[in-house]
Amino acid sequence: MPDQTAPQTDAQTHRFTVRARHLHGHHARVLDEPSPEAAAAAYLEDFAHDLDEDDAVAVIVRDETTGREQCFRVDLTTGETAPCG
């Protein structure tokens, strides 16, 4: 029997779990977005940060289908997303 409590995603989106890297799993959110980069940016849209500390935040994005995790740094001023490195 299919799980009827899980929201359905359409063919253009994927399910991701996203958290700020420094929070170690706390405040993770499940998001349906077209790409890991879009999930990283969407996570930060509603997440408050102290801009005095840094102008970019590193987030961990986990693809719920494959289990693959990626780290992205998101510039809080411009919204640009790039791999951590």
Protein backbone atom coordinates (compact mmCIF):
# COMPACT_ATOMS: atom_id res chain seq x y z
CA MET A 1 0.00 0.00 0.00
CA PRO A 2 1.52 3.39 -0.98
CA ASP A 3 2.30 5.94 1.71
CA GLN A 4 -0.48 8.50 1.39
CA THR A 5 1.03 10.93 3.90
CA ALA A 6 4.03 11.83 1.72
CA PRO A 7 3.44 14.75 -0.66
CA GLN A 8 3.85 13.89 -4.31
CA THR A 9 6.46 15.58 -6.48
CA ASP A 10 5.97 16.19 -10.16
CA ALA A 11 8.37 15.07 -12.90
CA GLN A 12 10.20 18.41 -12.80
CA THR A 13 11.08 18.37 -9.10
CA HIS A 14 13.05 16.18 -6.74
CA ARG A 15 12.81 15.79 -2.98
CA PHE A 16 15.78 17.22 -1.05
CA THR A 17 16.61 17.59 2.63
CA VAL A 18 18.57 20.78 3.26
CA ARG A 19 20.32 22.09 6.36
CA ALA A 20 22.91 24.72 7.15
CA ARG A 21 26.28 22.97 7.45
CA HIS A 22 27.05 24.50 10.84
CA LEU A 23 23.76 23.27 12.38
CA HIS A 24 24.62 19.54 12.23
CA GLY A 25 21.20 18.25 11.21
CA HIS A 26 19.08 20.64 13.23
CA HIS A 27 16.58 22.79 11.36
CA ALA A 28 16.66 20.58 8.27
CA ARG A 29 13.84 21.09 5.81
CA VAL A 30 12.40 18.85 3.13
CA LEU A 31 11.96 20.73 -0.14
CA ASP A 32 10.71 19.79 -3.60
CA GLU A 33 12.83 21.68 -6.14
CA PRO A 34 14.15 21.12 -9.69
CA SER A 35 17.83 21.01 -8.65
CA PRO A 36 20.11 20.83 -5.58
CA GLU A 37 21.13 24.47 -6.17
CA ALA A 38 17.48 25.57 -6.21
CA ALA A 39 16.88 23.63 -2.98
CA ALA A 40 19.84 25.38 -1.32
CA ALA A 41 18.54 28.83 -2.31
CA ALA A 42 14.95 27.98 -1.32
CA TYR A 43 16.10 26.81 2.11
CA LEU A 44 17.77 30.13 2.80
CA GLU A 45 14.80 32.24 1.69
CA ASP A 46 13.04 31.56 5.01
CA PHE A 47 16.04 30.98 7.24
CA ALA A 48 17.40 33.87 9.34
CA HIS A 49 21.16 34.40 9.43
CA ASP A 50 23.46 36.87 11.11
CA LEU A 51 24.90 38.85 8.21
CA ASP A 52 27.61 40.27 10.48
CA GLU A 53 29.22 36.81 10.65
CA ASP A 54 29.47 36.12 6.93
CA ASP A 55 27.94 37.15 3.65
CA ALA A 56 27.59 33.51 2.54
CA VAL A 57 26.24 30.37 4.19
CA ALA A 58 27.20 26.77 3.47
CA VAL A 59 24.31 24.32 3.24
CA ILE A 60 24.20 20.54 2.84
CA VAL A 61 21.67 19.30 0.28
CA ARG A 62 20.72 15.60 0.35
CA ASP A 63 18.86 14.05 -2.58
CA GLU A 64 16.23 11.87 -0.91
CA THR A 65 16.08 9.48 -3.89
CA THR A 66 19.80 8.77 -4.27
CA GLY A 67 21.12 9.73 -0.83
CA ARG A 68 23.81 11.88 -2.47
CA GLU A 69 24.86 14.89 -0.42
CA GLN A 70 26.33 18.08 -1.82
CA CYS A 71 27.61 21.22 -0.12
CA PHE A 72 26.82 24.65 -1.54
CA ARG A 73 27.81 28.16 -0.47
CA VAL A 74 25.01 30.64 -1.05
CA ASP A 75 25.79 34.36 -1.22
CA LEU A 76 23.12 35.98 0.96
CA THR A 77 23.33 39.26 -0.92
CA THR A 78 23.09 38.01 -4.51
CA GLY A 79 21.61 34.53 -4.09
CA GLU A 80 24.41 33.01 -6.17
CA THR A 81 25.01 29.35 -5.38
CA ALA A 82 28.34 27.55 -5.87
CA PRO A 83 29.82 24.26 -4.64
CA CYS A 84 31.74 24.47 -1.35
CA GLY A 85 35.42 24.26 -1.88
